[in-house]
Amino acid sequence: FNMMDIRIYQENLGDQIKSGNLEDAVWLLEGMDSILLLLGDKFPEHRKLRQDGFSYYYKKEMKEPVGMMRQAIRKQDTALALKGYKMLVKNCNSCHTDLEIDKKVWE
């Protein structure tokens, strides 16, 4: 269920950033990030995660683009927010591929 919630936040976040609506993007980003952090706590181990659970992948693949989007939204920089968003989608898809998860994150 958490991954479905993340998908809803992520898709709507992308739509808001692409439309330049950073005021709505910020609460979507924070909602998505809170679920990602919750997953790190909830899954310290998982059958497909090779390293230190989900929190390892968060730090490795998601922390930088989430921080980039957060900073861009504060600066009202839509181009940088979109760059962070695209990086997040790419990194999520890369992790899904590495772990043989048959789901793609939509851009």
Protein backbone atom coordinates (compact mmCIF):
# COMPACT_ATOMS: atom_id res chain seq x y z
CA PHE A 1 0.00 0.00 0.00
CA ASN A 2 2.82 2.40 0.77
CA MET A 3 4.25 2.05 -2.73
CA MET A 4 0.86 2.90 -4.24
CA ASP A 5 0.74 6.00 -2.03
CA ILE A 6 4.23 6.97 -3.20
CA ARG A 7 3.18 6.50 -6.82
CA ILE A 8 0.18 8.81 -6.36
CA TYR A 9 2.30 11.48 -4.69
CA GLN A 10 5.10 11.08 -7.25
CA GLU A 11 2.86 11.33 -10.31
CA ASN A 12 1.02 14.37 -8.96
CA LEU A 13 4.31 15.95 -7.88
CA GLY A 14 5.61 15.63 -11.43
CA ASP A 15 2.45 17.15 -12.86
CA GLN A 16 2.63 20.12 -10.48
CA ILE A 17 6.30 20.76 -11.17
CA LYS A 18 5.79 20.51 -14.94
CA SER A 19 2.92 23.01 -14.73
CA GLY A 20 5.05 25.37 -12.61
CA ASN A 21 2.75 25.04 -9.60
CA LEU A 22 5.44 24.80 -6.92
CA GLU A 23 3.04 25.82 -4.13
CA ASP A 24 1.18 22.51 -4.51
CA ALA A 25 4.35 20.61 -5.37
CA VAL A 26 5.86 21.28 -1.96
CA TRP A 27 3.20 19.43 0.04
CA LEU A 28 3.27 16.53 -2.45
CA LEU A 29 7.07 16.33 -2.09
CA GLU A 30 6.86 16.34 1.70
CA GLY A 31 4.11 13.71 1.69
CA MET A 32 6.08 11.45 -0.65
CA ASP A 33 9.27 11.94 1.34
CA SER A 34 7.55 11.10 4.63
CA ILE A 35 6.35 7.78 3.17
CA LEU A 36 9.82 7.03 1.81
CA LEU A 37 11.31 7.64 5.27
CA LEU A 38 8.58 5.51 6.85
CA LEU A 39 9.51 2.65 4.52
CA GLY A 40 13.11 2.95 5.69
CA ASP A 41 11.95 2.38 9.25
CA LYS A 42 9.39 -0.26 8.32
CA PHE A 43 11.68 -2.40 6.17
CA PRO A 44 15.16 -2.67 7.71
CA GLU A 45 15.30 -6.00 5.86
CA HIS A 46 13.48 -7.18 2.77
CA ARG A 47 13.85 -10.24 0.57
CA LYS A 48 14.95 -8.24 -2.49
CA LEU A 49 17.00 -5.54 -0.79
CA ARG A 50 20.64 -6.59 -0.71
CA GLN A 51 22.03 -3.94 1.60
CA ASP A 52 20.77 -2.31 4.80
CA GLY A 53 17.11 -2.34 3.82
CA PHE A 54 15.15 0.45 2.20
CA SER A 55 16.93 3.22 4.13
CA TYR A 56 20.17 2.33 2.29
CA TYR A 57 18.46 2.86 -1.06
CA TYR A 58 16.85 6.06 0.16
CA LYS A 59 20.23 7.51 1.11
CA LYS A 60 21.90 6.20 -2.06
CA GLU A 61 19.25 7.00 -4.67
CA MET A 62 16.58 9.35 -3.36
CA LYS A 63 18.05 11.74 -0.79
CA GLU A 64 19.88 13.91 -3.33
CA PRO A 65 16.99 14.43 -5.79
CA VAL A 66 14.49 15.00 -2.94
CA GLY A 67 16.84 17.60 -1.46
CA MET A 68 17.33 19.18 -4.88
CA MET A 69 13.56 19.49 -5.36
CA ARG A 70 13.08 20.88 -1.83
CA GLN A 71 15.76 23.53 -2.44
CA ALA A 72 14.39 24.38 -5.89
CA ILE A 73 10.87 24.81 -4.58
CA ARG A 74 12.14 27.18 -1.86
CA LYS A 75 13.92 29.20 -4.56
CA GLN A 76 10.89 28.97 -6.89
CA ASP A 77 13.19 27.40 -9.51
CA THR A 78 10.95 25.21 -11.66
CA ALA A 79 13.80 24.07 -13.93
CA LEU A 80 15.86 22.78 -10.99
CA ALA A 81 12.78 21.15 -9.43
CA LEU A 82 12.14 19.35 -12.71
CA LYS A 83 15.77 18.24 -12.88
CA GLY A 84 15.49 16.78 -9.35
CA TYR A 85 12.22 15.11 -10.25
CA LYS A 86 13.66 13.47 -13.36
CA MET A 87 16.68 12.31 -11.35
CA LEU A 88 14.37 10.77 -8.75
CA VAL A 89 12.36 8.90 -11.39
CA LYS A 90 15.54 7.66 -13.08
CA ASN A 91 17.02 6.50 -9.76
CA CYS A 92 13.81 4.78 -8.68
CA ASN A 93 13.56 2.96 -12.00
CA SER A 94 17.22 1.96 -11.76
CA CYS A 95 16.65 0.45 -8.32
CA HIS A 96 13.54 -1.38 -9.56
CA THR A 97 15.59 -2.81 -12.42
CA ASP A 98 18.45 -3.85 -10.13
CA LEU A 99 16.04 -5.60 -7.77
CA GLU A 100 14.01 -7.17 -10.59
CA ILE A 101 10.84 -5.36 -9.56
CA ASP A 102 8.46 -5.39 -12.49
CA LYS A 103 7.18 -1.83 -11.97
CA LYS A 104 8.28 1.37 -13.65
CA VAL A 105 8.04 4.80 -12.10
CA TRP A 106 6.25 7.08 -14.53
CA GLU A 107 7.78 10.38 -15.50
